[in-house]
Every structure is written in structure tokens, then in C-alpha cells.
Protein backbone atom coordinates (compact mmCIF):
# COMPACT_ATOMS: atom_id res chain seq x y z
CA MET A 1 222.39 14.95 338.34
CA ALA A 2 222.81 12.82 335.23
CA PRO A 3 222.42 14.56 331.84
CA LYS A 4 219.46 12.32 330.98
CA GLU A 5 217.70 13.38 334.17
CA LYS A 6 218.34 17.09 333.51
CA ILE A 7 216.86 16.67 330.03
CA LEU A 8 213.79 14.96 331.52
CA ILE A 9 213.14 17.73 334.05
CA TRP A 10 213.74 20.54 331.54
CA GLY A 11 211.60 18.64 329.02
CA ILE A 12 208.76 18.53 331.53
CA PHE A 13 209.14 22.27 332.15
CA ILE A 14 209.15 23.22 328.44
CA ALA A 15 206.30 20.85 327.57
CA GLY A 16 204.33 22.39 330.40
CA LEU A 17 204.75 25.88 328.99
CA VAL A 18 203.34 24.72 325.66
CA LEU A 19 200.41 22.89 327.24
CA ASN A 20 199.70 25.82 329.51
CA GLY A 21 199.11 28.00 326.46
CA ASN A 22 196.25 25.70 325.46
CA GLY A 23 194.79 25.74 328.95
CA GLU A 24 194.53 21.95 328.94
CA SER A 25 196.67 20.97 331.94
CA PRO A 26 195.72 20.25 335.54
CA ASP A 27 197.19 22.33 338.34
CA ILE A 28 198.85 21.85 341.71
CA HIS A 29 196.23 24.15 343.14
CA ASP A 30 198.01 25.81 346.05
CA GLY A 31 201.41 25.70 344.36
CA THR A 32 203.04 23.82 347.21
CA VAL A 33 204.11 20.33 348.21
CA HIS A 34 203.62 19.23 351.79
CA THR A 35 205.97 16.80 353.56
CA GLU A 36 206.93 16.14 357.16
CA ARG A 37 209.95 18.35 357.83
CA GLU A 38 211.45 15.89 360.32
CA LYS A 39 210.88 12.17 360.74
CA THR A 40 212.45 9.29 362.64
CA LEU A 41 212.56 5.91 360.92
CA ILE A 42 213.46 2.60 362.58
CA ARG A 43 216.40 0.56 361.35
CA GLY A 44 215.35 -2.73 359.76
CA SER A 45 211.70 -1.72 359.51
CA LEU A 46 209.44 -0.30 356.82
CA GLY A 47 209.73 3.48 356.36
CA ILE A 48 207.28 5.81 354.60
CA LEU A 49 207.89 9.46 353.65
CA THR A 50 204.72 11.25 352.58
CA CYS A 51 204.39 13.82 349.80
CA ARG A 52 201.05 15.63 349.55
CA PHE A 53 199.83 18.10 346.94
CA SER A 54 196.66 19.05 345.09
CA GLY A 55 196.02 18.32 341.44
CA SER A 56 197.48 15.79 339.02
CA PRO A 57 201.26 15.53 338.69
CA TYR A 58 203.10 15.19 335.40
CA ALA A 59 206.11 13.73 337.20
CA VAL A 60 207.19 13.05 340.80
CA PHE A 61 210.83 12.67 341.87
CA TRP A 62 212.26 11.58 345.22
CA LYS A 63 215.84 12.79 345.69
CA LYS A 64 218.47 12.51 348.43
CA GLY A 65 220.37 15.70 349.20
CA HIS A 66 219.89 19.44 349.61
CA ASP A 67 219.58 20.68 346.02
CA ILE A 68 216.87 19.72 343.54
CA TRP A 69 219.23 19.95 340.57
CA THR A 70 222.38 18.27 341.86
CA SER A 71 220.93 15.72 344.28
CA PRO A 72 220.60 12.23 342.77
CA THR A 73 217.14 10.88 342.03
CA LEU A 74 216.34 7.71 343.97
CA ILE A 75 213.00 6.95 342.36
CA GLN A 76 210.62 8.75 340.02
CA TRP A 77 207.14 8.44 338.57
CA THR A 78 205.93 9.54 335.15
CA PRO A 79 202.73 8.55 333.31
CA GLU A 80 204.74 6.94 330.50
CA ASP A 81 207.39 4.99 332.41
CA LYS A 82 205.48 4.69 335.70
CA ILE A 83 208.05 4.01 338.44
CA THR A 84 211.78 3.93 337.65
CA GLY A 85 215.07 4.81 339.34
CA PRO A 86 218.06 3.08 340.95
CA ARG A 87 216.42 2.50 344.35
CA TYR A 88 213.38 1.01 342.58
CA ASP A 89 215.54 -1.17 340.34
CA ASP A 90 217.51 -2.61 343.27
CA GLY A 91 214.27 -3.37 345.14
CA SER A 92 215.02 -1.18 348.17
CA CYS A 93 212.32 1.47 347.52
CA ASP A 94 208.92 1.90 345.94
CA MET A 95 206.32 4.63 345.51
CA ASP A 96 202.67 4.15 346.46
CA GLU A 97 199.52 5.50 344.80
CA ASN A 98 199.84 8.70 346.86
CA TYR A 99 203.46 9.21 345.67
CA SER A 100 204.85 8.49 349.14
CA LEU A 101 208.36 7.05 349.21
CA ILE A 102 208.45 3.53 350.66
CA ILE A 103 211.78 2.37 352.07
CA LYS A 104 211.40 -1.38 352.46
CA SER A 105 214.10 -1.89 355.09
CA VAL A 106 215.54 1.24 356.66
CA ASN A 107 219.26 1.36 357.42
CA HIS A 108 221.58 4.01 358.81
CA THR A 109 222.58 5.20 355.32
CA ASP A 110 219.01 6.51 354.95
CA ARG A 111 219.81 9.37 357.32
CA GLY A 112 219.67 12.79 355.73
CA ARG A 113 217.42 14.97 353.60
CA PHE A 114 214.89 13.55 351.13
CA ILE A 115 213.32 15.91 348.58
CA CYS A 116 209.95 15.38 346.94
CA LEU A 117 209.94 17.27 343.63
CA VAL A 118 206.65 17.54 341.73
CA SER A 119 205.90 18.86 338.25
CA ASN A 120 202.59 19.31 336.50
CA GLU A 121 201.86 20.01 332.86
CA ASP A 122 201.88 23.76 333.51
CA GLY A 123 205.65 23.48 333.90
CA ILE A 124 205.45 24.18 337.63
CA LEU A 125 208.21 22.60 339.70
CA VAL A 126 207.49 22.57 343.42
CA ASP A 127 209.26 20.71 346.18
CA ASP A 128 209.52 20.12 349.90
CA TYR A 129 211.83 18.02 352.03
CA THR A 130 211.99 15.68 355.01
CA ASP A 131 215.05 15.42 357.25
CA VAL A 132 215.29 11.77 358.30
CA THR A 133 216.82 10.42 361.49
CA VAL A 134 217.35 6.67 361.84
CA SER A 135 216.96 5.07 365.26
CA ASP A 136 217.40 1.51 366.49
CA ASP A 137 214.37 1.79 368.78
CA ALA A 138 210.82 3.02 368.18
CA LEU A 139 210.35 3.45 371.93
CA GLU A 140 212.56 3.36 374.99
CA MET A 141 211.65 2.41 378.56
CA GLU A 142 213.47 1.92 381.83
CA SER A 143 213.81 -1.76 382.76
CA SER A 144 212.44 -1.05 386.24
CA VAL A 145 210.57 1.76 387.95
CA THR A 146 209.99 2.32 391.68
CA LEU A 147 206.99 4.34 392.86
CA PRO A 148 205.87 5.33 396.37
CA LEU A 149 202.77 3.76 397.89
CA LYS A 150 199.53 5.81 397.78
CA GLN A 151 201.10 8.54 395.62
CA THR A 152 200.64 9.51 391.98
CA GLY A 153 203.49 8.16 389.89
CA ARG A 154 204.60 7.74 386.27
CA VAL A 155 206.03 4.88 384.23
CA PRO A 156 208.01 6.63 381.46
CA CYS A 157 207.84 5.65 377.78
CA GLN A 158 209.90 7.64 375.28
CA VAL A 159 208.33 7.34 371.81
CA ASN A 160 210.76 8.11 368.97
CA ILE A 161 208.33 7.82 366.07
CA ARG A 162 205.10 9.53 365.10
CA PRO A 163 202.46 7.28 366.71
CA ARG A 164 199.01 6.45 365.44
CA LYS A 165 198.09 4.89 368.78
CA VAL A 166 199.81 4.30 372.11
CA SER A 167 198.36 1.73 374.49
CA TRP A 168 199.35 0.67 378.02
CA PHE A 169 198.75 -2.88 379.22
CA GLY A 170 199.10 -4.46 382.63
CA SER A 171 200.63 -7.84 383.42
CA ARG A 172 197.29 -9.63 382.94
CA ASN A 173 196.85 -8.22 379.42
CA GLU A 174 194.25 -5.68 380.54
CA MET A 175 194.29 -2.43 378.55
CA LEU A 176 194.70 0.28 381.14
CA VAL A 177 194.65 3.37 378.93
CA PHE A 178 195.21 4.30 375.30
CA ILE A 179 195.51 7.43 373.19
CA ASP A 180 194.36 7.33 369.54
CA LEU A 181 195.86 10.03 367.31
CA SER A 182 194.48 8.78 363.99
CA LYS A 183 191.20 10.69 364.13
CA ASP A 184 190.34 14.37 363.73
CA SER A 185 190.36 14.76 367.51
CA ILE A 186 192.46 12.89 370.07
CA VAL A 187 190.66 9.97 371.76
CA ILE A 188 191.70 8.67 375.20
CA GLY A 189 190.09 5.53 376.62
CA GLY A 190 190.65 2.20 378.33
CA THR A 191 189.21 0.46 381.37
CA GLY A 192 191.74 1.90 383.79
CA TYR A 193 191.19 5.38 382.40
CA LYS A 194 187.42 5.11 382.76
CA ASP A 195 187.81 3.89 386.35
CA GLY A 196 189.99 6.89 387.18
CA LEU A 197 193.02 4.74 388.04
CA PHE A 198 195.28 5.51 385.08
CA HIS A 199 196.00 8.29 382.59
CA ILE A 200 198.51 8.98 379.82
CA THR A 201 200.69 12.07 379.47
CA GLY A 202 201.32 14.13 376.35
CA GLU A 203 204.67 12.33 376.08
CA TYR A 204 202.87 8.93 376.34
CA SER A 205 204.05 7.98 379.84
CA LEU A 206 201.64 6.06 382.07
CA VAL A 207 200.20 7.89 385.07
CA ILE A 208 199.09 5.78 388.05
CA TYR A 209 196.88 7.45 390.64
CA ASN A 210 197.04 6.35 394.30
CA VAL A 211 199.65 3.64 393.71
CA LYS A 212 198.77 0.32 395.35
CA ILE A 213 200.88 -2.70 396.34
CA GLN A 214 198.82 -4.98 394.09
CA GLN A 215 199.78 -2.86 391.08
CA GLU A 216 203.35 -4.17 391.16
CA GLY A 217 204.34 -6.08 388.02
CA LEU A 218 205.16 -5.57 384.36
CA TYR A 219 203.70 -2.67 382.37
CA PHE A 220 203.77 -2.71 378.58
CA CYS A 221 203.79 0.30 376.27
CA VAL A 222 202.57 -0.63 372.76
CA VAL A 223 203.08 1.90 369.96
CA THR A 224 201.65 1.78 366.43
CA ASP A 225 203.50 3.75 363.74
CA TYR A 226 201.26 6.37 362.14
CA ASP A 227 202.16 5.69 358.50
CA THR A 228 203.18 2.04 358.36
CA GLY A 229 200.89 0.50 360.99
CA VAL A 230 203.84 -1.47 362.37
CA THR A 231 203.53 -2.12 366.12
CA TYR A 232 206.38 -1.96 368.63
CA GLN A 233 206.42 -2.61 372.38
CA ASP A 234 208.62 -2.51 375.45
CA ASP A 235 208.06 -3.02 379.17
CA SER A 236 209.04 -1.84 382.64
CA LEU A 237 208.85 -3.72 385.94
CA LEU A 238 207.10 -1.68 388.61
CA THR A 239 208.03 -2.02 392.27
CA VAL A 240 206.17 -0.14 395.00
CA ILE A 241 208.41 1.21 397.78
CA GLY A 242 208.45 -0.93 400.90
CA THR A 243 207.09 -4.08 399.25
CA PHE A 244 208.57 -7.22 397.74
CA LEU A 245 207.67 -8.44 394.27
CA SER A 246 207.25 -12.17 394.80
CA ARG A 247 206.56 -13.28 391.27
CA SER A 248 207.10 -12.25 387.68
CA PHE A 249 204.70 -12.08 384.78
CA ALA A 250 204.95 -12.75 381.03
CA PHE A 251 203.19 -10.65 378.41
CA PRO A 252 200.71 -12.92 376.62
CA TYR A 253 201.95 -12.15 373.12
CA ALA A 254 205.46 -12.01 371.73
CA THR A 255 207.45 -8.81 371.54
CA LYS A 256 208.32 -7.72 368.00
CA VAL A 257 212.08 -7.90 367.58
CA LEU A 258 213.69 -5.99 364.75
């Protein structure tokens, strides 16, 4: 940590002790900061690390490393200077109104531990961390899947990010089933789900009941990132055992390529 930064943090602490004696400062009410302990970000895409706490902060620091004192500060917020720091100055990071760290284009060097350090005018320093993994793919699917006729089968979709919503589409752009995780309770819907033909597993794979020959074709898994709202998709070609797929299909809107 640079000497100037140490002075800033200790200055916040000492000033807080003085203000606390006058009873004029706000408080981080539960004395804790809440972050996601583990998170996967996608290379080349927007990444957001959340930092939640109660009360009004006197300063917020985002650091990279395992120690709040020795780890370098990437970006910081104070009422006087607003947002400063090397990752803010070079344009690679920002901080939103909720003090979340915004990484504008994630790369593999962003792997590791990020610390959110918060101080209020009482001199309280509280922190939490997020261990970040960087992946090239938000979701992964097999290029082709074979299922037996008149049986229950699954089309796998491995989701590597925290999803807000996962939707499954058929080759004619019909939404078969979706799961919405953005609300207080999980919502599952879709035409195929309501008709009892399709379901979705807890790992977001598509379940097909009583597999039929006419269900051969492309199946698309569309995933929306919980924090950024960025949408990703991939597809699998389904073949039913003992049949021949005589034509191919194209998804009616373009796949997002990172």
C-alpha cells in the first residue's frame, strides 16, 4: 500500500473517532459488508462485483489481494474526491451508485480476490471479499444430443455464471420453458411447460417428456447474467434414435459472440 493511501485510511479512522464523540455520524448498522464470496466473470464482457452494507459510507475502497493493508487499491470513493484510483484513471473500471465495482472488459488478469473495504465516520472499517474466476464461456452445451423415442430425456446446458433468467427455445423460436430467478420466489413458465411437454432442471438443462420424432432439431439455451443483464446463448442439435434429421434450422436472431 502506498504511504498516501495508508494516511488516507488512518485519517478516516481517526476522524471517525472524533466525530463519533459528537454522535453526529451515520452507521453501518449491522457492522458488516456483504459480497458474493465466489463469482465467475466472462472474458471480454462487462463484470460487476457487488458490495452491500447499511448506512452511509465515509469511504469505499476496492482492492485486489488478500490483505486490506498491503493489497493495492484499484478504485476508491470518497465524498470529497468522488471516484479515483489507477483502474478508474485508465478507464478499465468504475464504481456505480451502489458502490459495486464495474470491470468494463474482463480479462484473465482479473482472476483472484477482490476486497470491498468500507469506512464510515465512526471510524469503523469493515470488509468482505469475492474470489473471481474468469471463464471464456457463460454457458456450455454439447453440439449434438441423441435421445430415445418415447422416453424422458435431457438436453444439457452448463451455466457458468449467476443467471437472472434461463430460457429454452425450439427451432421455430417458440419459448418452451424458462426459469426466472430475479424475483423473491422462483418462477417457471413457457408454453411447453404449461402443456406438460418440457421442464427445466435445477442445473438449467432442458427436460423433454415422451420424446417425439418431430421434436428433432436445434434447441437454444439463452442465459441472462444476473448483475449485468448481458445475454448469452448456445445450441444443441437433437436427434431421436432410429430417425433421420432431414433438414437443419437457423435460430432467428444472431448469437452474441464475445
